[in-house]
Amino acid sequence: DGGYALRRAGVAVGSLVLAAAGALV
């Protein structure tokens, strides 16, 4: 509860975006 699904989606998208940005750097 408490936005669990939204948090999981946020962690998944956020970590993937940060990994892509890190790979670009």
PDB file of all heavy atoms in Angstrom:
ATOM      1  N   ASP A   1       0.836  -1.192   0.000  1.00  0.00           N
ATOM      2  CA  ASP A   1       0.000   0.000   0.000  1.00  0.00           C
ATOM      3  C   ASP A   1       0.872   1.243   0.000  1.00  0.00           C
ATOM      4  O   ASP A   1       2.085   1.151  -0.114  1.00  0.00           O
ATOM      5  CB  ASP A   1      -0.930   0.001   1.220  1.00  0.00           C
ATOM      6  CG  ASP A   1      -0.167   0.014   2.539  1.00  0.00           C
ATOM      7  OD1 ASP A   1       1.064  -0.129   2.522  1.00  0.00           O
ATOM      8  OD2 ASP A   1      -0.803   0.152   3.592  1.00  0.00           O
ATOM      9  N   GLY A   2       0.264   2.395   0.095  1.00  0.00           N
ATOM     10  CA  GLY A   2       1.022   3.640   0.165  1.00  0.00           C
ATOM     11  C   GLY A   2       1.783   3.950  -1.112  1.00  0.00           C
ATOM     12  O   GLY A   2       2.895   4.453  -1.057  1.00  0.00           O
ATOM     13  N   GLY A   3       1.201   3.605  -2.260  1.00  0.00           N
ATOM     14  CA  GLY A   3       1.860   3.887  -3.527  1.00  0.00           C
ATOM     15  C   GLY A   3       2.953   2.892  -3.872  1.00  0.00           C
ATOM     16  O   GLY A   3       3.890   3.227  -4.605  1.00  0.00           O
ATOM     17  N   TYR A   4       2.839   1.676  -3.378  1.00  0.00           N
ATOM     18  CA  TYR A   4       3.868   0.656  -3.597  1.00  0.00           C
ATOM     19  C   TYR A   4       4.126   0.429  -5.091  1.00  0.00           C
ATOM     20  O   TYR A   4       5.276   0.417  -5.533  1.00  0.00           O
ATOM     21  CB  TYR A   4       3.446  -0.645  -2.910  1.00  0.00           C
ATOM     22  CG  TYR A   4       4.332  -1.827  -3.224  1.00  0.00           C
ATOM     23  CD1 TYR A   4       5.533  -2.008  -2.556  1.00  0.00           C
ATOM     24  CD2 TYR A   4       3.971  -2.754  -4.187  1.00  0.00           C
ATOM     25  CE1 TYR A   4       6.348  -3.088  -2.833  1.00  0.00           C
ATOM     26  CE2 TYR A   4       4.776  -3.840  -4.475  1.00  0.00           C
ATOM     27  CZ  TYR A   4       5.959  -4.001  -3.794  1.00  0.00           C
ATOM     28  OH  TYR A   4       6.761  -5.065  -4.075  1.00  0.00           O
ATOM     29  N   ALA A   5       3.069   0.221  -5.857  1.00  0.00           N
ATOM     30  CA  ALA A   5       3.234  -0.057  -7.295  1.00  0.00           C
ATOM     31  C   ALA A   5       3.881   1.128  -8.000  1.00  0.00           C
ATOM     32  O   ALA A   5       4.751   0.952  -8.856  1.00  0.00           O
ATOM     33  CB  ALA A   5       1.889  -0.392  -7.930  1.00  0.00           C
ATOM     34  N   LEU A   6       3.461   2.326  -7.633  1.00  0.00           N
ATOM     35  CA  LEU A   6       4.037   3.527  -8.235  1.00  0.00           C
ATOM     36  C   LEU A   6       5.512   3.669  -7.848  1.00  0.00           C
ATOM     37  O   LEU A   6       6.346   4.027  -8.696  1.00  0.00           O
ATOM     38  CB  LEU A   6       3.244   4.759  -7.800  1.00  0.00           C
ATOM     39  CG  LEU A   6       3.595   6.069  -8.464  1.00  0.00           C
ATOM     40  CD1 LEU A   6       3.380   5.961  -9.972  1.00  0.00           C
ATOM     41  CD2 LEU A   6       2.750   7.195  -7.899  1.00  0.00           C
ATOM     42  N   ARG A   7       5.826   3.360  -6.621  1.00  0.00           N
ATOM     43  CA  ARG A   7       7.227   3.425  -6.189  1.00  0.00           C
ATOM     44  C   ARG A   7       8.078   2.399  -6.933  1.00  0.00           C
ATOM     45  O   ARG A   7       9.200   2.685  -7.319  1.00  0.00           O
ATOM     46  CB  ARG A   7       7.334   3.172  -4.683  1.00  0.00           C
ATOM     47  CG  ARG A   7       6.788   4.298  -3.853  1.00  0.00           C
ATOM     48  CD  ARG A   7       6.896   3.959  -2.390  1.00  0.00           C
ATOM     49  NE  ARG A   7       6.140   4.909  -1.597  1.00  0.00           N
ATOM     50  CZ  ARG A   7       6.379   5.157  -0.331  1.00  0.00           C
ATOM     51  NH1 ARG A   7       7.341   4.529   0.299  1.00  0.00           N
ATOM     52  NH2 ARG A   7       5.653   6.022   0.331  1.00  0.00           N
ATOM     53  N   ARG A   8       7.539   1.183  -7.095  1.00  0.00           N
ATOM     54  CA  ARG A   8       8.283   0.157  -7.829  1.00  0.00           C
ATOM     55  C   ARG A   8       8.527   0.583  -9.257  1.00  0.00           C
ATOM     56  O   ARG A   8       9.624   0.410  -9.797  1.00  0.00           O
ATOM     57  CB  ARG A   8       7.499  -1.162  -7.808  1.00  0.00           C
ATOM     58  CG  ARG A   8       8.185  -2.192  -6.987  1.00  0.00           C
ATOM     59  CD  ARG A   8       7.573  -3.536  -7.039  1.00  0.00           C
ATOM     60  NE  ARG A   8       7.479  -4.062  -8.385  1.00  0.00           N
ATOM     61  CZ  ARG A   8       6.620  -4.991  -8.751  1.00  0.00           C
ATOM     62  NH1 ARG A   8       5.770  -5.488  -7.882  1.00  0.00           N
ATOM     63  NH2 ARG A   8       6.599  -5.436  -9.976  1.00  0.00           N
ATOM     64  N   ALA A   9       7.510   1.150  -9.893  1.00  0.00           N
ATOM     65  CA  ALA A   9       7.683   1.635 -11.265  1.00  0.00           C
ATOM     66  C   ALA A   9       8.705   2.771 -11.292  1.00  0.00           C
ATOM     67  O   ALA A   9       9.545   2.840 -12.195  1.00  0.00           O
ATOM     68  CB  ALA A   9       6.350   2.104 -11.835  1.00  0.00           C
ATOM     69  N   GLY A  10       8.649   3.645 -10.301  1.00  0.00           N
ATOM     70  CA  GLY A  10       9.604   4.745 -10.228  1.00  0.00           C
ATOM     71  C   GLY A  10      11.035   4.267 -10.045  1.00  0.00           C
ATOM     72  O   GLY A  10      11.961   4.801 -10.669  1.00  0.00           O
ATOM     73  N   VAL A  11      11.224   3.255  -9.199  1.00  0.00           N
ATOM     74  CA  VAL A  11      12.572   2.704  -9.000  1.00  0.00           C
ATOM     75  C   VAL A  11      13.065   2.048 -10.286  1.00  0.00           C
ATOM     76  O   VAL A  11      14.220   2.220 -10.685  1.00  0.00           O
ATOM     77  CB  VAL A  11      12.591   1.712  -7.822  1.00  0.00           C
ATOM     78  CG1 VAL A  11      13.875   0.905  -7.791  1.00  0.00           C
ATOM     79  CG2 VAL A  11      12.428   2.450  -6.510  1.00  0.00           C
ATOM     80  N   ALA A  12      12.181   1.313 -10.960  1.00  0.00           N
ATOM     81  CA  ALA A  12      12.581   0.649 -12.207  1.00  0.00           C
ATOM     82  C   ALA A  12      12.959   1.672 -13.270  1.00  0.00           C
ATOM     83  O   ALA A  12      14.041   1.589 -13.879  1.00  0.00           O
ATOM     84  CB  ALA A  12      11.450  -0.246 -12.713  1.00  0.00           C
ATOM     85  N   VAL A  13      12.105   2.645 -13.490  1.00  0.00           N
ATOM     86  CA  VAL A  13      12.377   3.662 -14.518  1.00  0.00           C
ATOM     87  C   VAL A  13      13.578   4.513 -14.120  1.00  0.00           C
ATOM     88  O   VAL A  13      14.453   4.781 -14.943  1.00  0.00           O
ATOM     89  CB  VAL A  13      11.122   4.532 -14.750  1.00  0.00           C
ATOM     90  CG1 VAL A  13      11.438   5.744 -15.596  1.00  0.00           C
ATOM     91  CG2 VAL A  13      10.022   3.700 -15.395  1.00  0.00           C
ATOM     92  N   GLY A  14      13.626   4.921 -12.866  1.00  0.00           N
ATOM     93  CA  GLY A  14      14.722   5.763 -12.402  1.00  0.00           C
ATOM     94  C   GLY A  14      16.075   5.081 -12.517  1.00  0.00           C
ATOM     95  O   GLY A  14      17.051   5.686 -12.975  1.00  0.00           O
ATOM     96  N   SER A  15      16.139   3.816 -12.116  1.00  0.00           N
ATOM     97  CA  SER A  15      17.425   3.117 -12.202  1.00  0.00           C
ATOM     98  C   SER A  15      17.824   2.888 -13.655  1.00  0.00           C
ATOM     99  O   SER A  15      19.008   2.975 -13.990  1.00  0.00           O
ATOM    100  CB  SER A  15      17.380   1.798 -11.434  1.00  0.00           C
ATOM    101  OG  SER A  15      16.385   0.946 -11.952  1.00  0.00           O
ATOM    102  N   LEU A  16      16.856   2.629 -14.521  1.00  0.00           N
ATOM    103  CA  LEU A  16      17.183   2.434 -15.934  1.00  0.00           C
ATOM    104  C   LEU A  16      17.638   3.740 -16.584  1.00  0.00           C
ATOM    105  O   LEU A  16      18.607   3.758 -17.350  1.00  0.00           O
ATOM    106  CB  LEU A  16      15.985   1.854 -16.685  1.00  0.00           C
ATOM    107  CG  LEU A  16      16.267   1.365 -18.097  1.00  0.00           C
ATOM    108  CD1 LEU A  16      17.314   0.251 -18.073  1.00  0.00           C
ATOM    109  CD2 LEU A  16      14.981   0.868 -18.743  1.00  0.00           C
ATOM    110  N   VAL A  17      16.984   4.843 -16.253  1.00  0.00           N
ATOM    111  CA  VAL A  17      17.381   6.151 -16.794  1.00  0.00           C
ATOM    112  C   VAL A  17      18.767   6.535 -16.292  1.00  0.00           C
ATOM    113  O   VAL A  17      19.605   7.017 -17.063  1.00  0.00           O
ATOM    114  CB  VAL A  17      16.325   7.226 -16.437  1.00  0.00           C
ATOM    115  CG1 VAL A  17      16.855   8.631 -16.670  1.00  0.00           C
ATOM    116  CG2 VAL A  17      15.045   6.994 -17.223  1.00  0.00           C
ATOM    117  N   LEU A  18      19.018   6.307 -15.007  1.00  0.00           N
ATOM    118  CA  LEU A  18      20.344   6.623 -14.466  1.00  0.00           C
ATOM    119  C   LEU A  18      21.424   5.737 -15.079  1.00  0.00           C
ATOM    120  O   LEU A  18      22.543   6.203 -15.335  1.00  0.00           O
ATOM    121  CB  LEU A  18      20.350   6.483 -12.945  1.00  0.00           C
ATOM    122  CG  LEU A  18      19.617   7.582 -12.173  1.00  0.00           C
ATOM    123  CD1 LEU A  18      19.546   7.235 -10.696  1.00  0.00           C
ATOM    124  CD2 LEU A  18      20.289   8.924 -12.384  1.00  0.00           C
ATOM    125  N   ALA A  19      21.105   4.463 -15.329  1.00  0.00           N
ATOM    126  CA  ALA A  19      22.076   3.569 -15.975  1.00  0.00           C
ATOM    127  C   ALA A  19      22.364   4.047 -17.399  1.00  0.00           C
ATOM    128  O   ALA A  19      23.523   4.033 -17.837  1.00  0.00           O
ATOM    129  CB  ALA A  19      21.559   2.133 -15.986  1.00  0.00           C
ATOM    130  N   ALA A  20      21.334   4.471 -18.108  1.00  0.00           N
ATOM    131  CA  ALA A  20      21.536   4.976 -19.471  1.00  0.00           C
ATOM    132  C   ALA A  20      22.376   6.256 -19.453  1.00  0.00           C
ATOM    133  O   ALA A  20      23.284   6.427 -20.288  1.00  0.00           O
ATOM    134  CB  ALA A  20      20.192   5.227 -20.153  1.00  0.00           C
ATOM    135  N   ALA A  21      22.089   7.144 -18.506  1.00  0.00           N
ATOM    136  CA  ALA A  21      22.871   8.376 -18.391  1.00  0.00           C
ATOM    137  C   ALA A  21      24.324   8.060 -18.024  1.00  0.00           C
ATOM    138  O   ALA A  21      25.256   8.666 -18.562  1.00  0.00           O
ATOM    139  CB  ALA A  21      22.253   9.298 -17.344  1.00  0.00           C
ATOM    140  N   GLY A  22      24.518   7.098 -17.131  1.00  0.00           N
ATOM    141  CA  GLY A  22      25.878   6.694 -16.761  1.00  0.00           C
ATOM    142  C   GLY A  22      26.623   6.084 -17.930  1.00  0.00           C
ATOM    143  O   GLY A  22      27.819   6.336 -18.116  1.00  0.00           O
ATOM    144  N   ALA A  23      25.920   5.278 -18.729  1.00  0.00           N
ATOM    145  CA  ALA A  23      26.548   4.682 -19.910  1.00  0.00           C
ATOM    146  C   ALA A  23      26.935   5.767 -20.912  1.00  0.00           C
ATOM    147  O   ALA A  23      27.991   5.686 -21.565  1.00  0.00           O
ATOM    148  CB  ALA A  23      25.610   3.671 -20.549  1.00  0.00           C
ATOM    149  N   LEU A  24      26.107   6.793 -21.023  1.00  0.00           N
ATOM    150  CA  LEU A  24      26.417   7.911 -21.922  1.00  0.00           C
ATOM    151  C   LEU A  24      27.665   8.657 -21.445  1.00  0.00           C
ATOM    152  O   LEU A  24      28.544   8.995 -22.258  1.00  0.00           O
ATOM    153  CB  LEU A  24      25.215   8.864 -22.012  1.00  0.00           C
ATOM    154  CG  LEU A  24      25.330  10.013 -22.994  1.00  0.00           C
ATOM    155  CD1 LEU A  24      25.404   9.486 -24.425  1.00  0.00           C
ATOM    156  CD2 LEU A  24      24.133  10.945 -22.834  1.00  0.00           C
ATOM    157  N   VAL A  25      27.748   8.886 -20.149  1.00  0.00           N
ATOM    158  CA  VAL A  25      28.935   9.554 -19.588  1.00  0.00           C
ATOM    159  C   VAL A  25      30.184   8.697 -19.819  1.00  0.00           C
ATOM    160  O   VAL A  25      31.251   9.222 -20.190  1.00  0.00           O
ATOM    161  CB  VAL A  25      28.736   9.862 -18.086  1.00  0.00           C
ATOM    162  CG1 VAL A  25      30.030  10.297 -17.428  1.00  0.00           C
ATOM    163  CG2 VAL A  25      27.671  10.931 -17.900  1.00  0.00           C
TER     164      VAL A  25
END
